[in-house]
Protein backbone atom coordinates (compact mmCIF):
# COMPACT_ATOMS: atom_id res chain seq x y z
CA MET A 1 -27.15 -10.22 96.89
CA ASP A 2 -25.48 -11.29 100.13
CA ILE A 3 -24.83 -8.34 102.49
CA MET A 4 -21.17 -9.31 102.89
CA GLU A 5 -20.79 -9.21 99.10
CA THR A 6 -22.47 -5.79 99.02
CA ILE A 7 -20.02 -4.48 101.63
CA ARG A 8 -17.08 -6.00 99.74
CA GLU A 9 -18.22 -4.30 96.51
CA GLN A 10 -18.60 -0.95 98.28
CA VAL A 11 -15.16 -1.18 99.88
CA GLU A 12 -13.42 -2.36 96.70
CA GLY A 13 -15.40 -0.11 94.35
CA ASN A 14 -14.66 3.20 96.07
CA PRO A 15 -11.15 4.53 96.60
CA VAL A 16 -12.32 6.29 99.78
CA ILE A 17 -15.48 5.28 101.63
CA LEU A 18 -16.69 6.20 105.09
CA TYR A 19 -19.25 4.17 107.01
CA MET A 20 -20.80 6.64 109.41
CA LYS A 21 -23.85 7.61 111.42
CA GLY A 22 -25.75 10.14 109.34
CA SER A 23 -24.40 11.99 106.31
CA PRO A 24 -21.49 14.38 105.75
CA ASN A 25 -23.94 17.29 105.90
CA GLN A 26 -25.75 15.92 108.96
CA PRO A 27 -23.58 13.60 111.02
CA GLN A 28 -25.59 11.89 113.75
CA CYS A 29 -22.81 11.46 116.32
CA GLY A 30 -19.76 13.38 117.45
CA PHE A 31 -17.32 10.71 116.27
CA SER A 32 -18.77 10.81 112.76
CA ALA A 33 -18.72 14.63 112.81
CA ARG A 34 -15.02 14.76 113.78
CA THR A 35 -14.14 12.16 111.16
CA ILE A 36 -16.04 14.08 108.46
CA GLU A 37 -14.27 17.29 109.46
CA ALA A 38 -10.87 15.64 109.02
CA LEU A 39 -11.84 13.90 105.78
CA THR A 40 -13.45 16.90 104.10
CA SER A 41 -10.39 19.03 104.90
CA CYS A 42 -8.49 16.82 102.42
CA GLY A 43 -10.53 18.41 99.62
CA GLU A 44 -11.26 15.17 97.76
CA ARG A 45 -14.52 13.43 96.96
CA PHE A 46 -15.38 10.30 98.91
CA ALA A 47 -18.25 7.87 99.20
CA TYR A 48 -20.18 7.33 102.39
CA VAL A 49 -22.81 4.97 103.75
CA ASP A 50 -25.21 6.01 106.50
CA ILE A 51 -25.32 2.93 108.71
CA LEU A 52 -28.39 4.25 110.55
CA SER A 53 -30.49 3.93 107.40
CA ASN A 54 -28.76 0.65 106.42
CA PRO A 55 -29.28 -1.66 109.42
CA GLU A 56 -27.98 -4.74 107.60
CA ILE A 57 -24.68 -3.00 106.90
CA ARG A 58 -24.58 -1.70 110.47
CA ALA A 59 -25.02 -5.22 111.80
CA ASN A 60 -22.56 -6.94 109.45
CA LEU A 61 -19.75 -4.46 108.76
CA PRO A 62 -18.11 -5.07 112.16
CA LYS A 63 -17.83 -8.78 111.25
CA PHE A 64 -16.52 -7.99 107.77
CA ALA A 65 -13.97 -5.50 109.09
CA ASN A 66 -13.18 -7.20 112.40
CA TRP A 67 -13.64 -3.68 113.82
CA PRO A 68 -16.53 -3.15 116.26
CA THR A 69 -17.20 0.60 116.10
CA PHE A 70 -18.28 3.36 113.74
CA PRO A 71 -17.29 5.41 111.85
CA GLN A 72 -15.00 3.29 109.70
CA LEU A 73 -12.79 4.81 107.01
CA TRP A 74 -11.65 2.58 104.17
CA VAL A 75 -9.05 3.63 101.60
CA ASN A 76 -8.16 1.48 98.59
CA GLY A 77 -9.98 -1.50 100.09
CA GLU A 78 -8.13 -1.29 103.40
CA LEU A 79 -9.62 -0.35 106.76
CA ILE A 80 -7.80 2.72 108.06
CA GLY A 81 -9.74 2.95 111.31
CA GLY A 82 -12.21 5.00 113.26
CA CYS A 83 -12.44 8.53 114.56
CA ASP A 84 -9.34 8.54 116.78
CA ILE A 85 -7.08 7.09 114.11
CA VAL A 86 -8.44 9.36 111.36
CA THR A 87 -8.20 12.54 113.44
CA ASP A 88 -4.69 11.57 114.61
CA MET A 89 -3.60 10.98 111.00
CA HIS A 90 -5.13 14.34 110.06
CA ALA A 91 -3.23 16.13 112.84
CA LYS A 92 0.04 14.54 111.68
CA GLY A 93 -0.62 15.47 108.03
CA GLU A 94 -0.80 11.81 106.98
CA LEU A 95 -4.49 11.70 106.05
CA ILE A 96 -4.37 14.22 103.21
CA SER A 97 -1.59 12.41 101.34
CA LEU A 98 -3.32 9.04 101.79
CA VAL A 99 -6.66 10.37 100.52
CA LYS A 100 -5.18 12.38 97.65
CA GLU A 101 -3.08 9.45 96.48
CA ALA A 102 -6.11 7.12 96.56
CA THR A 103 -8.47 9.50 94.75
CA GLN A 104 -5.99 10.63 92.14
CA GLY A 105 -4.94 7.06 91.44
CA ALA A 106 -8.59 6.18 90.86
CA ALA A 107 -9.10 9.14 88.48
CA GLU A 108 -6.34 7.99 86.13
C-alpha cells in the first residue's frame, strides 16, 4: 500500500491520533512529552504513531499534512497542530471538549 494511503487511513480511521517521537509512556522529545501531557489530561483514549520507528511516515507526513514539524495532533481527520497549539488549547480549556466530542462521537 502507498504510504500516503496508509497515512490517510490512519488519520481518517482514528478519531484522535498523535504522530509523535516515541510513545506516550516514553516520549523521545520535549515537544512530544508536553503534547502527551496535555492530551492524556483529557482522559480519553487516542491512537499514536511513533515516527522514529516509522521512517516512511516521518518522511511523508509533512507533505500529507503540509505541516513540517512533529508532533502532529489530528482530530476527526483534521490537523489540529503541534505542541504549541495543543498546549495552548489545553490551557484555554478547548482541547478537552474537542477530544471528548471526537471520542464520544466515535463510540456511538
